[in-house]
Amino acid sequence: MAAVFMGMIVSAGAGVGVAATLVRHAQRHWVARPAAVEA
């Protein structure tokens, strides 16, 4: 059960990492809409 719990945490962390990467990518390409990106 502990292994499953750890797996869930790792998966969640990976999802957060991907989301952060997408946000940074958007910030670079959508400079004209900083307010929309920041929101």
PDB file of N, CA and C in Angstrom:
ATOM      1  N   MET A   1       0.840  -1.205   0.000  1.00  0.00           N
ATOM      2  CA  MET A   1       0.000   0.000   0.000  1.00  0.00           C
ATOM      3  C   MET A   1       0.870   1.249   0.000  1.00  0.00           C
ATOM      4  N   ALA A   2       1.969   1.188   0.724  1.00  0.00           N
ATOM      5  CA  ALA A   2       2.870   2.341   0.775  1.00  0.00           C
ATOM      6  C   ALA A   2       3.427   2.641  -0.617  1.00  0.00           C
ATOM      7  N   ALA A   3       3.718   1.567  -1.372  1.00  0.00           N
ATOM      8  CA  ALA A   3       4.259   1.754  -2.722  1.00  0.00           C
ATOM      9  C   ALA A   3       3.241   2.464  -3.603  1.00  0.00           C
ATOM     10  N   VAL A   4       1.975   2.097  -3.465  1.00  0.00           N
ATOM     11  CA  VAL A   4       0.918   2.724  -4.260  1.00  0.00           C
ATOM     12  C   VAL A   4       0.808   4.195  -3.894  1.00  0.00           C
ATOM     13  N   PHE A   5       0.873   4.475  -2.576  1.00  0.00           N
ATOM     14  CA  PHE A   5       0.780   5.858  -2.104  1.00  0.00           C
ATOM     15  C   PHE A   5       1.933   6.686  -2.659  1.00  0.00           C
ATOM     16  N   MET A   6       3.143   6.130  -2.614  1.00  0.00           N
ATOM     17  CA  MET A   6       4.313   6.837  -3.140  1.00  0.00           C
ATOM     18  C   MET A   6       4.166   7.061  -4.639  1.00  0.00           C
ATOM     19  N   GLY A   7       3.626   6.063  -5.330  1.00  0.00           N
ATOM     20  CA  GLY A   7       3.413   6.191  -6.769  1.00  0.00           C
ATOM     21  C   GLY A   7       2.471   7.333  -7.088  1.00  0.00           C
ATOM     22  N   MET A   8       1.430   7.477  -6.264  1.00  0.00           N
ATOM     23  CA  MET A   8       0.462   8.559  -6.474  1.00  0.00           C
ATOM     24  C   MET A   8       1.147   9.913  -6.283  1.00  0.00           C
ATOM     25  N   ILE A   9       2.007  10.011  -5.266  1.00  0.00           N
ATOM     26  CA  ILE A   9       2.708  11.268  -4.991  1.00  0.00           C
ATOM     27  C   ILE A   9       3.642  11.610  -6.151  1.00  0.00           C
ATOM     28  N   VAL A  10       4.357  10.602  -6.653  1.00  0.00           N
ATOM     29  CA  VAL A  10       5.284  10.828  -7.767  1.00  0.00           C
ATOM     30  C   VAL A  10       4.516  11.270  -9.002  1.00  0.00           C
ATOM     31  N   SER A  11       3.373  10.629  -9.265  1.00  0.00           N
ATOM     32  CA  SER A  11       2.565  10.986 -10.432  1.00  0.00           C
ATOM     33  C   SER A  11       2.054  12.420 -10.303  1.00  0.00           C
ATOM     34  N   ALA A  12       1.609  12.781  -9.103  1.00  0.00           N
ATOM     35  CA  ALA A  12       1.108  14.138  -8.874  1.00  0.00           C
ATOM     36  C   ALA A  12       2.244  15.141  -9.075  1.00  0.00           C
ATOM     37  N   GLY A  13       3.426  14.817  -8.564  1.00  0.00           N
ATOM     38  CA  GLY A  13       4.575  15.704  -8.716  1.00  0.00           C
ATOM     39  C   GLY A  13       4.928  15.880 -10.178  1.00  0.00           C
ATOM     40  N   ALA A  14       4.871  14.796 -10.952  1.00  0.00           N
ATOM     41  CA  ALA A  14       5.174  14.876 -12.382  1.00  0.00           C
ATOM     42  C   ALA A  14       4.149  15.762 -13.068  1.00  0.00           C
ATOM     43  N   GLY A  15       2.885  15.634 -12.686  1.00  0.00           N
ATOM     44  CA  GLY A  15       1.827  16.453 -13.283  1.00  0.00           C
ATOM     45  C   GLY A  15       2.068  17.923 -12.998  1.00  0.00           C
ATOM     46  N   VAL A  16       2.470  18.236 -11.768  1.00  0.00           N
ATOM     47  CA  VAL A  16       2.749  19.628 -11.401  1.00  0.00           C
ATOM     48  C   VAL A  16       3.933  20.147 -12.208  1.00  0.00           C
ATOM     49  N   GLY A  17       4.942  19.301 -12.381  1.00  0.00           N
ATOM     50  CA  GLY A  17       6.118  19.704 -13.149  1.00  0.00           C
ATOM     51  C   GLY A  17       5.750  20.014 -14.590  1.00  0.00           C
ATOM     52  N   VAL A  18       4.909  19.168 -15.180  1.00  0.00           N
ATOM     53  CA  VAL A  18       4.471  19.388 -16.565  1.00  0.00           C
ATOM     54  C   VAL A  18       3.674  20.679 -16.659  1.00  0.00           C
ATOM     55  N   ALA A  19       2.780  20.900 -15.692  1.00  0.00           N
ATOM     56  CA  ALA A  19       1.958  22.114 -15.699  1.00  0.00           C
ATOM     57  C   ALA A  19       2.850  23.352 -15.592  1.00  0.00           C
ATOM     58  N   ALA A  20       3.850  23.301 -14.718  1.00  0.00           N
ATOM     59  CA  ALA A  20       4.751  24.438 -14.547  1.00  0.00           C
ATOM     60  C   ALA A  20       5.521  24.709 -15.836  1.00  0.00           C
ATOM     61  N   THR A  21       5.938  23.633 -16.508  1.00  0.00           N
ATOM     62  CA  THR A  21       6.666  23.783 -17.768  1.00  0.00           C
ATOM     63  C   THR A  21       5.780  24.438 -18.815  1.00  0.00           C
ATOM     64  N   LEU A  22       4.511  24.010 -18.881  1.00  0.00           N
ATOM     65  CA  LEU A  22       3.576  24.587 -19.849  1.00  0.00           C
ATOM     66  C   LEU A  22       3.348  26.065 -19.555  1.00  0.00           C
ATOM     67  N   VAL A  23       3.246  26.417 -18.269  1.00  0.00           N
ATOM     68  CA  VAL A  23       3.031  27.813 -17.889  1.00  0.00           C
ATOM     69  C   VAL A  23       4.224  28.665 -18.316  1.00  0.00           C
ATOM     70  N   ARG A  24       5.436  28.161 -18.058  1.00  0.00           N
ATOM     71  CA  ARG A  24       6.632  28.921 -18.435  1.00  0.00           C
ATOM     72  C   ARG A  24       6.703  29.070 -19.953  1.00  0.00           C
ATOM     73  N   HIS A  25       6.340  28.013 -20.670  1.00  0.00           N
ATOM     74  CA  HIS A  25       6.339  28.053 -22.134  1.00  0.00           C
ATOM     75  C   HIS A  25       5.348  29.110 -22.615  1.00  0.00           C
ATOM     76  N   ALA A  26       4.176  29.133 -21.995  1.00  0.00           N
ATOM     77  CA  ALA A  26       3.140  30.100 -22.371  1.00  0.00           C
ATOM     78  C   ALA A  26       3.614  31.523 -22.080  1.00  0.00           C
ATOM     79  N   GLN A  27       4.297  31.708 -20.955  1.00  0.00           N
ATOM     80  CA  GLN A  27       4.770  33.043 -20.592  1.00  0.00           C
ATOM     81  C   GLN A  27       5.766  33.559 -21.621  1.00  0.00           C
ATOM     82  N   ARG A  28       6.573  32.672 -22.190  1.00  0.00           N
ATOM     83  CA  ARG A  28       7.555  33.093 -23.187  1.00  0.00           C
ATOM     84  C   ARG A  28       6.879  33.492 -24.488  1.00  0.00           C
ATOM     85  N   HIS A  29       5.816  32.773 -24.879  1.00  0.00           N
ATOM     86  CA  HIS A  29       5.202  32.982 -26.185  1.00  0.00           C
ATOM     87  C   HIS A  29       4.009  33.923 -26.172  1.00  0.00           C
ATOM     88  N   TRP A  30       3.416  34.118 -24.986  1.00  0.00           N
ATOM     89  CA  TRP A  30       2.257  34.999 -24.913  1.00  0.00           C
ATOM     90  C   TRP A  30       2.610  36.270 -24.145  1.00  0.00           C
ATOM     91  N   VAL A  31       3.697  36.909 -24.534  1.00  0.00           N
ATOM     92  CA  VAL A  31       4.173  38.104 -23.835  1.00  0.00           C
ATOM     93  C   VAL A  31       3.153  39.234 -23.944  1.00  0.00           C
ATOM     94  N   ALA A  32       2.373  39.233 -25.027  1.00  0.00           N
ATOM     95  CA  ALA A  32       1.388  40.294 -25.234  1.00  0.00           C
ATOM     96  C   ALA A  32       0.214  40.170 -24.262  1.00  0.00           C
ATOM     97  N   ARG A  33       0.086  38.996 -23.598  1.00  0.00           N
ATOM     98  CA  ARG A  33      -1.040  38.803 -22.685  1.00  0.00           C
ATOM     99  C   ARG A  33      -0.551  38.368 -21.309  1.00  0.00           C
ATOM    100  N   PRO A  34       0.330  39.145 -20.662  1.00  0.00           N
ATOM    101  CA  PRO A  34       0.886  38.758 -19.362  1.00  0.00           C
ATOM    102  C   PRO A  34      -0.184  38.601 -18.291  1.00  0.00           C
ATOM    103  N   ALA A  35      -1.223  39.454 -18.331  1.00  0.00           N
ATOM    104  CA  ALA A  35      -2.277  39.389 -17.323  1.00  0.00           C
ATOM    105  C   ALA A  35      -3.010  38.052 -17.423  1.00  0.00           C
ATOM    106  N   ALA A  36      -3.290  37.614 -18.645  1.00  0.00           N
ATOM    107  CA  ALA A  36      -4.012  36.364 -18.850  1.00  0.00           C
ATOM    108  C   ALA A  36      -3.157  35.180 -18.397  1.00  0.00           C
ATOM    109  N   VAL A  37      -1.848  35.276 -18.649  1.00  0.00           N
ATOM    110  CA  VAL A  37      -0.951  34.190 -18.271  1.00  0.00           C
ATOM    111  C   VAL A  37      -0.787  34.133 -16.756  1.00  0.00           C
ATOM    112  N   GLU A  38      -0.679  35.293 -16.128  1.00  0.00           N
ATOM    113  CA  GLU A  38      -0.479  35.348 -14.682  1.00  0.00           C
ATOM    114  C   GLU A  38      -1.704  34.865 -13.924  1.00  0.00           C
ATOM    115  N   ALA A  39      -2.898  35.101 -14.457  1.00  0.00           N
ATOM    116  CA  ALA A  39      -4.142  34.765 -13.773  1.00  0.00           C
ATOM    117  C   ALA A  39      -4.211  33.272 -13.491  1.00  0.00           C
TER     118      ALA A  39
END
